[in-house]
């Protein structure tokens, strides 16, 4: 989604991806230079950054894989980020901006809601530990070496191109896939845990705007709306006209947070950004995309 938005703005885009969780089909029809490789490949990262003006670093081992393989989580999420930072440092004269995409997972179970960027961090899993560590390295390279970096902290991003067949996709995609098959939507616990769901186009817009303001800043990227998993499930069932029911599972969620909603006032003020897509509208758009993808055999 970010690539398409950059292309629409007239940029020449190079994509580095090892397709661990991504799909080549997501880039179908897009005029990009595609390099299959790994962010841990130091020489490759340096070569690609040397020809770039703006670098968007989204490569990550997600929360499920990170918890299963904490050492690999560290080498990718932290080591890979240092590779990107070193490459940007070597090309500091022409790099306009590095944008690092972090996660609201670093807040854990927050003491206050909504969560501000400077609120305390509570690390509940290896993924959160690596994301906060990578953030800290970004700020260290900014303060020490002048690498122009911005950080955006995503909150539960969902939408088109988040494929339900990907075992690591988010809860929205999983629920939509189940609803379209009239299968039960599996909810951990009582379903009253809350999250802040962000439509992907809104996240992309904030990400690009973060590349165009003063560096060294950190922004929450969310909707600013607290939504329970029960509400999400019911909304998806209604919007898909599904006969699905909700099945409650007595199992600890890997992202064991009771309530989460972020303050986006800083992003509103500095980025002149507002999320434009409501959860209901985002669910409808995502359902339409899933149905179209199935018809086209993607």
C-alpha atoms as a PDB file:
ATOM      1  CA  UNK A   1       0.000   0.000   0.000  1.00  0.00           C
ATOM      2  CA  UNK A   2       2.870   2.358   0.765  1.00  0.00           C
ATOM      3  CA  UNK A   3       4.558   1.470  -2.526  1.00  0.00           C
ATOM      4  CA  UNK A   4       1.437   2.265  -4.538  1.00  0.00           C
ATOM      5  CA  UNK A   5       1.015   5.596  -2.784  1.00  0.00           C
ATOM      6  CA  UNK A   6       4.645   6.528  -3.478  1.00  0.00           C
ATOM      7  CA  UNK A   7       4.302   5.554  -7.130  1.00  0.00           C
ATOM      8  CA  UNK A   8       1.153   7.676  -7.408  1.00  0.00           C
ATOM      9  CA  UNK A   9       3.246  10.592  -6.114  1.00  0.00           C
ATOM     10  CA  UNK A  10       5.753  10.057  -8.948  1.00  0.00           C
ATOM     11  CA  UNK A  11       8.524   8.368  -6.987  1.00  0.00           C
ATOM     12  CA  UNK A  12      10.896   5.716  -8.312  1.00  0.00           C
ATOM     13  CA  UNK A  13      10.558   2.884  -5.808  1.00  0.00           C
ATOM     14  CA  UNK A  14      12.899   0.027  -4.966  1.00  0.00           C
ATOM     15  CA  UNK A  15      11.450  -2.743  -2.806  1.00  0.00           C
ATOM     16  CA  UNK A  16      13.586  -5.061  -0.676  1.00  0.00           C
ATOM     17  CA  UNK A  17      11.614  -8.040   0.631  1.00  0.00           C
ATOM     18  CA  UNK A  18      12.381 -11.634   1.560  1.00  0.00           C
ATOM     19  CA  UNK A  19       8.674 -12.559   1.267  1.00  0.00           C
ATOM     20  CA  UNK A  20       8.627 -14.275   4.639  1.00  0.00           C
ATOM     21  CA  UNK A  21       5.153 -12.882   5.240  1.00  0.00           C
ATOM     22  CA  UNK A  22       4.607 -10.803   2.104  1.00  0.00           C
ATOM     23  CA  UNK A  23       3.212 -11.856  -1.257  1.00  0.00           C
ATOM     24  CA  UNK A  24       4.579 -10.994  -4.690  1.00  0.00           C
ATOM     25  CA  UNK A  25       0.982 -10.650  -5.880  1.00  0.00           C
ATOM     26  CA  UNK A  26       0.661  -7.509  -3.764  1.00  0.00           C
ATOM     27  CA  UNK A  27       3.054  -5.773  -6.181  1.00  0.00           C
ATOM     28  CA  UNK A  28       1.349  -7.058  -9.323  1.00  0.00           C
ATOM     29  CA  UNK A  29       1.133  -4.365 -11.984  1.00  0.00           C
ATOM     30  CA  UNK A  30       3.293  -1.888 -10.062  1.00  0.00           C
ATOM     31  CA  UNK A  31       6.380  -0.448 -11.747  1.00  0.00           C
ATOM     32  CA  UNK A  32       8.967  -1.091  -9.041  1.00  0.00           C
ATOM     33  CA  UNK A  33      12.509  -2.379  -8.850  1.00  0.00           C
ATOM     34  CA  UNK A  34      12.028  -5.542  -6.813  1.00  0.00           C
ATOM     35  CA  UNK A  35      14.974  -7.044  -4.965  1.00  0.00           C
ATOM     36  CA  UNK A  36      14.433 -10.330  -3.154  1.00  0.00           C
ATOM     37  CA  UNK A  37      16.739 -10.237  -0.162  1.00  0.00           C
ATOM     38  CA  UNK A  38      17.033  -9.691   3.554  1.00  0.00           C
ATOM     39  CA  UNK A  39      17.458  -6.605   5.693  1.00  0.00           C
ATOM     40  CA  UNK A  40      20.150  -8.551   7.558  1.00  0.00           C
ATOM     41  CA  UNK A  41      22.295  -8.534   4.396  1.00  0.00           C
ATOM     42  CA  UNK A  42      24.577  -5.606   5.215  1.00  0.00           C
ATOM     43  CA  UNK A  43      26.165  -5.144   1.795  1.00  0.00           C
ATOM     44  CA  UNK A  44      22.842  -5.410  -0.031  1.00  0.00           C
ATOM     45  CA  UNK A  45      21.208  -2.833   2.231  1.00  0.00           C
ATOM     46  CA  UNK A  46      24.125  -0.446   1.738  1.00  0.00           C
ATOM     47  CA  UNK A  47      23.982  -0.837  -2.053  1.00  0.00           C
ATOM     48  CA  UNK A  48      20.247  -0.127  -2.215  1.00  0.00           C
ATOM     49  CA  UNK A  49      20.319   2.804   0.197  1.00  0.00           C
ATOM     50  CA  UNK A  50      23.132   4.393  -1.830  1.00  0.00           C
ATOM     51  CA  UNK A  51      20.678   5.164  -4.631  1.00  0.00           C
ATOM     52  CA  UNK A  52      17.800   6.325  -2.406  1.00  0.00           C
ATOM     53  CA  UNK A  53      16.702   9.692  -1.088  1.00  0.00           C
ATOM     54  CA  UNK A  54      13.942   8.449   1.209  1.00  0.00           C
ATOM     55  CA  UNK A  55      14.086   5.148   3.082  1.00  0.00           C
ATOM     56  CA  UNK A  56      11.002   3.521   4.611  1.00  0.00           C
ATOM     57  CA  UNK A  57      12.033   0.689   6.928  1.00  0.00           C
ATOM     58  CA  UNK A  58       9.123  -1.703   7.484  1.00  0.00           C
ATOM     59  CA  UNK A  59      11.012  -5.009   7.603  1.00  0.00           C
ATOM     60  CA  UNK A  60      10.173  -6.944  10.767  1.00  0.00           C
ATOM     61  CA  UNK A  61       9.646 -10.337  12.336  1.00  0.00           C
ATOM     62  CA  UNK A  62       6.085 -10.060  13.584  1.00  0.00           C
ATOM     63  CA  UNK A  63       4.876 -10.667  17.122  1.00  0.00           C
ATOM     64  CA  UNK A  64       3.978 -14.365  16.639  1.00  0.00           C
ATOM     65  CA  UNK A  65       7.294 -15.348  15.062  1.00  0.00           C
ATOM     66  CA  UNK A  66       9.257 -13.113  17.425  1.00  0.00           C
ATOM     67  CA  UNK A  67       7.824 -14.880  20.447  1.00  0.00           C
ATOM     68  CA  UNK A  68       8.680 -18.287  19.016  1.00  0.00           C
ATOM     69  CA  UNK A  69      12.196 -17.273  17.920  1.00  0.00           C
ATOM     70  CA  UNK A  70      13.493 -14.426  20.126  1.00  0.00           C
ATOM     71  CA  UNK A  71      17.084 -14.661  18.873  1.00  0.00           C
ATOM     72  CA  UNK A  72      15.997 -14.338  15.249  1.00  0.00           C
ATOM     73  CA  UNK A  73      13.693 -11.544  16.349  1.00  0.00           C
ATOM     74  CA  UNK A  74      16.724  -9.662  17.659  1.00  0.00           C
ATOM     75  CA  UNK A  75      18.901 -10.209  14.593  1.00  0.00           C
ATOM     76  CA  UNK A  76      16.160  -9.042  12.214  1.00  0.00           C
ATOM     77  CA  UNK A  77      14.323  -6.341  14.144  1.00  0.00           C
ATOM     78  CA  UNK A  78      17.359  -4.828  15.842  1.00  0.00           C
ATOM     79  CA  UNK A  79      20.290  -5.977  13.708  1.00  0.00           C
ATOM     80  CA  UNK A  80      18.431  -5.250  10.486  1.00  0.00           C
ATOM     81  CA  UNK A  81      17.568  -1.770  11.722  1.00  0.00           C
ATOM     82  CA  UNK A  82      21.206  -1.068  12.560  1.00  0.00           C
ATOM     83  CA  UNK A  83      22.121  -2.160   9.012  1.00  0.00           C
ATOM     84  CA  UNK A  84      19.656   0.388   7.643  1.00  0.00           C
ATOM     85  CA  UNK A  85      20.934   3.087   9.991  1.00  0.00           C
ATOM     86  CA  UNK A  86      24.562   2.408   9.057  1.00  0.00           C
ATOM     87  CA  UNK A  87      23.679   2.557   5.371  1.00  0.00           C
ATOM     88  CA  UNK A  88      21.873   5.868   5.857  1.00  0.00           C
ATOM     89  CA  UNK A  89      24.804   7.218   7.866  1.00  0.00           C
ATOM     90  CA  UNK A  90      27.196   6.344   5.040  1.00  0.00           C
ATOM     91  CA  UNK A  91      24.952   8.242   2.606  1.00  0.00           C
ATOM     92  CA  UNK A  92      23.948  11.031   4.986  1.00  0.00           C
ATOM     93  CA  UNK A  93      24.726  13.770   2.470  1.00  0.00           C
ATOM     94  CA  UNK A  94      21.879  12.782   0.181  1.00  0.00           C
ATOM     95  CA  UNK A  95      19.460  10.816   2.382  1.00  0.00           C
ATOM     96  CA  UNK A  96      16.525  13.130   2.997  1.00  0.00           C
ATOM     97  CA  UNK A  97      14.760  10.917   5.530  1.00  0.00           C
ATOM     98  CA  UNK A  98      14.624   7.478   7.090  1.00  0.00           C
ATOM     99  CA  UNK A  99      11.193   6.542   8.453  1.00  0.00           C
ATOM    100  CA  UNK A 100      11.189   3.660  10.912  1.00  0.00           C
ATOM    101  CA  UNK A 101       7.875   1.899  11.499  1.00  0.00           C
ATOM    102  CA  UNK A 102       7.508   0.867  15.115  1.00  0.00           C
ATOM    103  CA  UNK A 103       4.558  -0.509  17.072  1.00  0.00           C
ATOM    104  CA  UNK A 104       2.269   0.477  19.931  1.00  0.00           C
ATOM    105  CA  UNK A 105       3.129  -2.936  21.407  1.00  0.00           C
ATOM    106  CA  UNK A 106       5.916  -1.132  23.242  1.00  0.00           C
ATOM    107  CA  UNK A 107       3.338   0.441  25.594  1.00  0.00           C
ATOM    108  CA  UNK A 108       2.114  -2.905  26.961  1.00  0.00           C
ATOM    109  CA  UNK A 109      -0.678  -2.457  29.496  1.00  0.00           C
ATOM    110  CA  UNK A 110      -0.686   1.300  29.697  1.00  0.00           C
ATOM    111  CA  UNK A 111      -1.354   3.109  32.960  1.00  0.00           C
ATOM    112  CA  UNK A 112      -3.378   5.855  31.288  1.00  0.00           C
ATOM    113  CA  UNK A 113      -5.623   6.055  28.214  1.00  0.00           C
ATOM    114  CA  UNK A 114      -5.349   7.348  25.587  1.00  0.00           C
ATOM    115  CA  UNK A 115      -1.621   6.636  25.359  1.00  0.00           C
ATOM    116  CA  UNK A 116       0.729   9.508  24.559  1.00  0.00           C
ATOM    117  CA  UNK A 117       4.082   9.072  22.835  1.00  0.00           C
ATOM    118  CA  UNK A 118       6.060   9.888  25.994  1.00  0.00           C
ATOM    119  CA  UNK A 119       4.068   7.619  28.331  1.00  0.00           C
ATOM    120  CA  UNK A 120       5.904   4.779  30.136  1.00  0.00           C
ATOM    121  CA  UNK A 121       6.732   1.660  28.145  1.00  0.00           C
ATOM    122  CA  UNK A 122       5.908  -1.813  29.461  1.00  0.00           C
ATOM    123  CA  UNK A 123       7.589  -4.620  27.556  1.00  0.00           C
ATOM    124  CA  UNK A 124       5.512  -7.813  27.558  1.00  0.00           C
ATOM    125  CA  UNK A 125       7.194  -9.877  24.811  1.00  0.00           C
ATOM    126  CA  UNK A 126      10.355 -10.120  22.664  1.00  0.00           C
ATOM    127  CA  UNK A 127       8.673  -8.324  19.767  1.00  0.00           C
ATOM    128  CA  UNK A 128       8.001  -5.234  21.868  1.00  0.00           C
ATOM    129  CA  UNK A 129      11.542  -5.397  23.249  1.00  0.00           C
ATOM    130  CA  UNK A 130      13.078  -5.418  19.783  1.00  0.00           C
ATOM    131  CA  UNK A 131      10.829  -2.670  18.429  1.00  0.00           C
ATOM    132  CA  UNK A 132      11.653  -0.341  21.328  1.00  0.00           C
ATOM    133  CA  UNK A 133      15.348  -1.201  21.050  1.00  0.00           C
ATOM    134  CA  UNK A 134      15.305  -0.386  17.327  1.00  0.00           C
ATOM    135  CA  UNK A 135      13.532   2.899  18.076  1.00  0.00           C
ATOM    136  CA  UNK A 136      16.242   3.766  20.584  1.00  0.00           C
ATOM    137  CA  UNK A 137      18.958   3.050  18.033  1.00  0.00           C
ATOM    138  CA  UNK A 138      17.160   5.323  15.567  1.00  0.00           C
ATOM    139  CA  UNK A 139      17.154   8.152  18.089  1.00  0.00           C
ATOM    140  CA  UNK A 140      20.784   7.452  19.006  1.00  0.00           C
ATOM    141  CA  UNK A 141      21.853   7.705  15.353  1.00  0.00           C
ATOM    142  CA  UNK A 142      19.862  10.914  15.018  1.00  0.00           C
ATOM    143  CA  UNK A 143      21.324  12.539  18.112  1.00  0.00           C
ATOM    144  CA  UNK A 144      24.894  11.255  17.691  1.00  0.00           C
ATOM    145  CA  UNK A 145      25.421  11.208  13.925  1.00  0.00           C
ATOM    146  CA  UNK A 146      22.643  13.378  12.553  1.00  0.00           C
ATOM    147  CA  UNK A 147      20.893  10.622  10.597  1.00  0.00           C
ATOM    148  CA  UNK A 148      17.529  12.227   9.693  1.00  0.00           C
ATOM    149  CA  UNK A 149      15.055   9.709  11.082  1.00  0.00           C
ATOM    150  CA  UNK A 150      11.363   9.800  12.002  1.00  0.00           C
ATOM    151  CA  UNK A 151       9.451   7.081  13.868  1.00  0.00           C
ATOM    152  CA  UNK A 152       5.809   6.090  13.462  1.00  0.00           C
ATOM    153  CA  UNK A 153       4.181   3.697  15.921  1.00  0.00           C
ATOM    154  CA  UNK A 154       1.453   1.724  14.176  1.00  0.00           C
ATOM    155  CA  UNK A 155      -1.633   0.517  15.997  1.00  0.00           C
ATOM    156  CA  UNK A 156      -3.351  -2.609  14.616  1.00  0.00           C
ATOM    157  CA  UNK A 157      -3.155  -1.727  10.931  1.00  0.00           C
ATOM    158  CA  UNK A 158      -5.589  -3.606   8.684  1.00  0.00           C
ATOM    159  CA  UNK A 159      -7.007  -3.402   5.175  1.00  0.00           C
ATOM    160  CA  UNK A 160      -6.464  -4.523   1.571  1.00  0.00           C
ATOM    161  CA  UNK A 161      -3.374  -6.648   0.868  1.00  0.00           C
ATOM    162  CA  UNK A 162      -3.401  -8.123   4.368  1.00  0.00           C
ATOM    163  CA  UNK A 163      -4.128 -11.600   3.093  1.00  0.00           C
ATOM    164  CA  UNK A 164      -6.224 -13.954   5.229  1.00  0.00           C
ATOM    165  CA  UNK A 165      -4.213 -16.958   4.026  1.00  0.00           C
ATOM    166  CA  UNK A 166      -1.135 -15.458   5.688  1.00  0.00           C
ATOM    167  CA  UNK A 167      -0.948 -17.247   9.075  1.00  0.00           C
ATOM    168  CA  UNK A 168       0.530 -14.096  10.602  1.00  0.00           C
ATOM    169  CA  UNK A 169      -2.173 -11.681   9.446  1.00  0.00           C
ATOM    170  CA  UNK A 170      -4.102  -9.545  11.905  1.00  0.00           C
ATOM    171  CA  UNK A 171      -7.403 -10.224  13.625  1.00  0.00           C
ATOM    172  CA  UNK A 172      -9.476  -8.227  11.118  1.00  0.00           C
ATOM    173  CA  UNK A 173      -8.345 -10.405   8.202  1.00  0.00           C
ATOM    174  CA  UNK A 174      -8.870 -13.579  10.214  1.00  0.00           C
ATOM    175  CA  UNK A 175     -12.381 -12.550  11.217  1.00  0.00           C
ATOM    176  CA  UNK A 176     -13.310 -11.541   7.660  1.00  0.00           C
ATOM    177  CA  UNK A 177     -12.060 -14.840   6.245  1.00  0.00           C
ATOM    178  CA  UNK A 178     -14.142 -16.765   8.790  1.00  0.00           C
ATOM    179  CA  UNK A 179     -17.226 -14.600   8.268  1.00  0.00           C
ATOM    180  CA  UNK A 180     -17.188 -15.034   4.498  1.00  0.00           C
ATOM    181  CA  UNK A 181     -17.196 -18.800   5.036  1.00  0.00           C
ATOM    182  CA  UNK A 182     -19.927 -18.554   7.706  1.00  0.00           C
ATOM    183  CA  UNK A 183     -17.474 -20.083  10.155  1.00  0.00           C
ATOM    184  CA  UNK A 184     -17.259 -19.128  13.859  1.00  0.00           C
ATOM    185  CA  UNK A 185     -15.150 -16.115  14.743  1.00  0.00           C
ATOM    186  CA  UNK A 186     -12.774 -17.257  17.482  1.00  0.00           C
ATOM    187  CA  UNK A 187     -12.307 -14.713  20.266  1.00  0.00           C
ATOM    188  CA  UNK A 188      -9.838 -15.142  23.122  1.00  0.00           C
ATOM    189  CA  UNK A 189     -11.172 -14.536  26.622  1.00  0.00           C
ATOM    190  CA  UNK A 190     -14.376 -12.530  27.029  1.00  0.00           C
ATOM    191  CA  UNK A 191     -13.823 -10.343  23.961  1.00  0.00           C
ATOM    192  CA  UNK A 192     -13.967  -7.135  25.963  1.00  0.00           C
ATOM    193  CA  UNK A 193     -10.275  -6.424  25.457  1.00  0.00           C
ATOM    194  CA  UNK A 194      -9.882  -3.318  23.288  1.00  0.00           C
ATOM    195  CA  UNK A 195      -7.614  -2.177  20.476  1.00  0.00           C
ATOM    196  CA  UNK A 196      -7.162   0.871  18.272  1.00  0.00           C
ATOM    197  CA  UNK A 197      -7.667  -0.280  14.663  1.00  0.00           C
ATOM    198  CA  UNK A 198      -6.069   1.768  11.867  1.00  0.00           C
ATOM    199  CA  UNK A 199      -7.052   1.511   8.209  1.00  0.00           C
ATOM    200  CA  UNK A 200      -4.004   0.979   6.034  1.00  0.00           C
ATOM    201  CA  UNK A 201      -4.504   4.054   3.818  1.00  0.00           C
ATOM    202  CA  UNK A 202      -4.532   6.264   6.903  1.00  0.00           C
ATOM    203  CA  UNK A 203      -1.334   4.605   8.153  1.00  0.00           C
ATOM    204  CA  UNK A 204       0.329   5.126   4.771  1.00  0.00           C
ATOM    205  CA  UNK A 205      -0.600   8.804   4.683  1.00  0.00           C
ATOM    206  CA  UNK A 206       0.851   9.369   8.165  1.00  0.00           C
ATOM    207  CA  UNK A 207       4.008   7.478   7.207  1.00  0.00           C
ATOM    208  CA  UNK A 208       4.648   9.650   4.169  1.00  0.00           C
ATOM    209  CA  UNK A 209       3.932  12.850   6.067  1.00  0.00           C
ATOM    210  CA  UNK A 210       6.441  11.764   8.733  1.00  0.00           C
ATOM    211  CA  UNK A 211       9.097  11.872   6.001  1.00  0.00           C
ATOM    212  CA  UNK A 212       8.366  15.520   5.290  1.00  0.00           C
ATOM    213  CA  UNK A 213       8.552  17.183   8.708  1.00  0.00           C
ATOM    214  CA  UNK A 214      11.391  17.919  11.134  1.00  0.00           C
ATOM    215  CA  UNK A 215      13.352  14.709  11.899  1.00  0.00           C
ATOM    216  CA  UNK A 216      13.868  13.195  15.329  1.00  0.00           C
ATOM    217  CA  UNK A 217      10.158  12.956  16.175  1.00  0.00           C
ATOM    218  CA  UNK A 218       7.958   9.982  17.137  1.00  0.00           C
ATOM    219  CA  UNK A 219       4.286   9.719  16.206  1.00  0.00           C
ATOM    220  CA  UNK A 220       1.453   7.454  17.268  1.00  0.00           C
ATOM    221  CA  UNK A 221      -0.493   6.298  14.218  1.00  0.00           C
ATOM    222  CA  UNK A 222      -3.954   5.049  15.154  1.00  0.00           C
ATOM    223  CA  UNK A 223      -7.597   5.983  14.898  1.00  0.00           C
ATOM    224  CA  UNK A 224      -7.886   7.381  18.406  1.00  0.00           C
ATOM    225  CA  UNK A 225     -10.961   5.169  18.854  1.00  0.00           C
ATOM    226  CA  UNK A 226     -11.089   2.312  21.375  1.00  0.00           C
ATOM    227  CA  UNK A 227     -12.892  -0.764  20.016  1.00  0.00           C
ATOM    228  CA  UNK A 228     -13.569  -4.062  21.766  1.00  0.00           C
ATOM    229  CA  UNK A 229     -12.918  -7.341  19.985  1.00  0.00           C
ATOM    230  CA  UNK A 230     -16.593  -8.200  20.471  1.00  0.00           C
ATOM    231  CA  UNK A 231     -17.610  -5.000  18.685  1.00  0.00           C
ATOM    232  CA  UNK A 232     -15.156  -5.755  15.889  1.00  0.00           C
ATOM    233  CA  UNK A 233     -16.508  -9.286  15.477  1.00  0.00           C
ATOM    234  CA  UNK A 234     -20.146  -8.168  15.398  1.00  0.00           C
ATOM    235  CA  UNK A 235     -19.322  -5.398  12.905  1.00  0.00           C
ATOM    236  CA  UNK A 236     -17.613  -7.840  10.543  1.00  0.00           C
ATOM    237  CA  UNK A 237     -20.505 -10.319  10.772  1.00  0.00           C
ATOM    238  CA  UNK A 238     -22.985  -7.541   9.985  1.00  0.00           C
ATOM    239  CA  UNK A 239     -21.001  -5.970   7.147  1.00  0.00           C
ATOM    240  CA  UNK A 240     -20.374  -9.342   5.480  1.00  0.00           C
ATOM    241  CA  UNK A 241     -23.994 -10.451   6.013  1.00  0.00           C
ATOM    242  CA  UNK A 242     -22.560 -13.596   7.530  1.00  0.00           C
ATOM    243  CA  UNK A 243     -24.276 -16.334   9.481  1.00  0.00           C
ATOM    244  CA  UNK A 244     -21.184 -16.720  11.650  1.00  0.00           C
ATOM    245  CA  UNK A 245     -21.328 -16.898  15.421  1.00  0.00           C
ATOM    246  CA  UNK A 246     -18.703 -15.888  17.970  1.00  0.00           C
ATOM    247  CA  UNK A 247     -16.776 -18.713  19.624  1.00  0.00           C
ATOM    248  CA  UNK A 248     -15.012 -17.806  22.858  1.00  0.00           C
ATOM    249  CA  UNK A 249     -11.716 -19.558  23.460  1.00  0.00           C
ATOM    250  CA  UNK A 250     -10.100 -19.804  26.872  1.00  0.00           C
ATOM    251  CA  UNK A 251      -6.588 -19.121  25.693  1.00  0.00           C
ATOM    252  CA  UNK A 252      -4.096 -16.405  26.543  1.00  0.00           C
ATOM    253  CA  UNK A 253      -3.626 -13.980  23.682  1.00  0.00           C
ATOM    254  CA  UNK A 254       0.011 -13.514  22.662  1.00  0.00           C
ATOM    255  CA  UNK A 255      -0.583  -9.741  22.770  1.00  0.00           C
ATOM    256  CA  UNK A 256      -1.840  -9.838  26.361  1.00  0.00           C
ATOM    257  CA  UNK A 257      -3.134  -6.278  26.687  1.00  0.00           C
ATOM    258  CA  UNK A 258      -6.531  -5.523  28.208  1.00  0.00           C
ATOM    259  CA  UNK A 259      -7.132  -2.034  26.810  1.00  0.00           C
ATOM    260  CA  UNK A 260      -5.402   0.014  24.143  1.00  0.00           C
ATOM    261  CA  UNK A 261      -6.139   3.281  22.409  1.00  0.00           C
ATOM    262  CA  UNK A 262      -3.554   5.876  21.437  1.00  0.00           C
ATOM    263  CA  UNK A 263      -3.615   9.640  21.394  1.00  0.00           C
ATOM    264  CA  UNK A 264      -3.007  10.958  17.883  1.00  0.00           C
ATOM    265  CA  UNK A 265      -3.019  14.644  18.827  1.00  0.00           C
ATOM    266  CA  UNK A 266       0.718  15.040  18.205  1.00  0.00           C
ATOM    267  CA  UNK A 267       0.389  13.600  14.687  1.00  0.00           C
ATOM    268  CA  UNK A 268      -2.635  15.812  14.057  1.00  0.00           C
ATOM    269  CA  UNK A 269      -0.703  18.900  15.095  1.00  0.00           C
ATOM    270  CA  UNK A 270       2.686  18.236  13.508  1.00  0.00           C
ATOM    271  CA  UNK A 271       1.779  16.107  10.479  1.00  0.00           C
ATOM    272  CA  UNK A 272      -1.518  17.888   9.751  1.00  0.00           C
ATOM    273  CA  UNK A 273      -2.926  14.386   9.536  1.00  0.00           C
ATOM    274  CA  UNK A 274      -6.277  12.929  10.472  1.00  0.00           C
ATOM    275  CA  UNK A 275      -7.470   9.342   9.959  1.00  0.00           C
ATOM    276  CA  UNK A 276     -10.169   9.486   7.290  1.00  0.00           C
ATOM    277  CA  UNK A 277     -11.584   5.949   7.288  1.00  0.00           C
ATOM    278  CA  UNK A 278     -13.885   4.787  10.072  1.00  0.00           C
ATOM    279  CA  UNK A 279     -13.750   1.196  11.283  1.00  0.00           C
ATOM    280  CA  UNK A 280     -17.063   0.322   9.631  1.00  0.00           C
ATOM    281  CA  UNK A 281     -15.990   1.830   6.322  1.00  0.00           C
ATOM    282  CA  UNK A 282     -12.591   0.151   6.577  1.00  0.00           C
ATOM    283  CA  UNK A 283     -14.211  -3.221   7.235  1.00  0.00           C
ATOM    284  CA  UNK A 284     -16.463  -2.765   4.182  1.00  0.00           C
ATOM    285  CA  UNK A 285     -13.508  -1.850   1.973  1.00  0.00           C
ATOM    286  CA  UNK A 286     -11.493  -4.809   3.243  1.00  0.00           C
ATOM    287  CA  UNK A 287     -14.351  -7.262   2.676  1.00  0.00           C
ATOM    288  CA  UNK A 288     -14.751  -5.937  -0.879  1.00  0.00           C
ATOM    289  CA  UNK A 289     -11.034  -6.408  -1.511  1.00  0.00           C
ATOM    290  CA  UNK A 290     -11.043  -9.979  -0.154  1.00  0.00           C
ATOM    291  CA  UNK A 291     -14.053 -10.896  -2.295  1.00  0.00           C
ATOM    292  CA  UNK A 292     -12.505  -9.330  -5.417  1.00  0.00           C
ATOM    293  CA  UNK A 293      -9.195 -11.122  -4.783  1.00  0.00           C
ATOM    294  CA  UNK A 294     -11.006 -14.444  -4.519  1.00  0.00           C
ATOM    295  CA  UNK A 295     -12.883 -13.864  -7.768  1.00  0.00           C
ATOM    296  CA  UNK A 296      -9.629 -12.989  -9.537  1.00  0.00           C
ATOM    297  CA  UNK A 297      -7.850 -15.983  -8.016  1.00  0.00           C
ATOM    298  CA  UNK A 298      -5.194 -13.903  -6.308  1.00  0.00           C
END
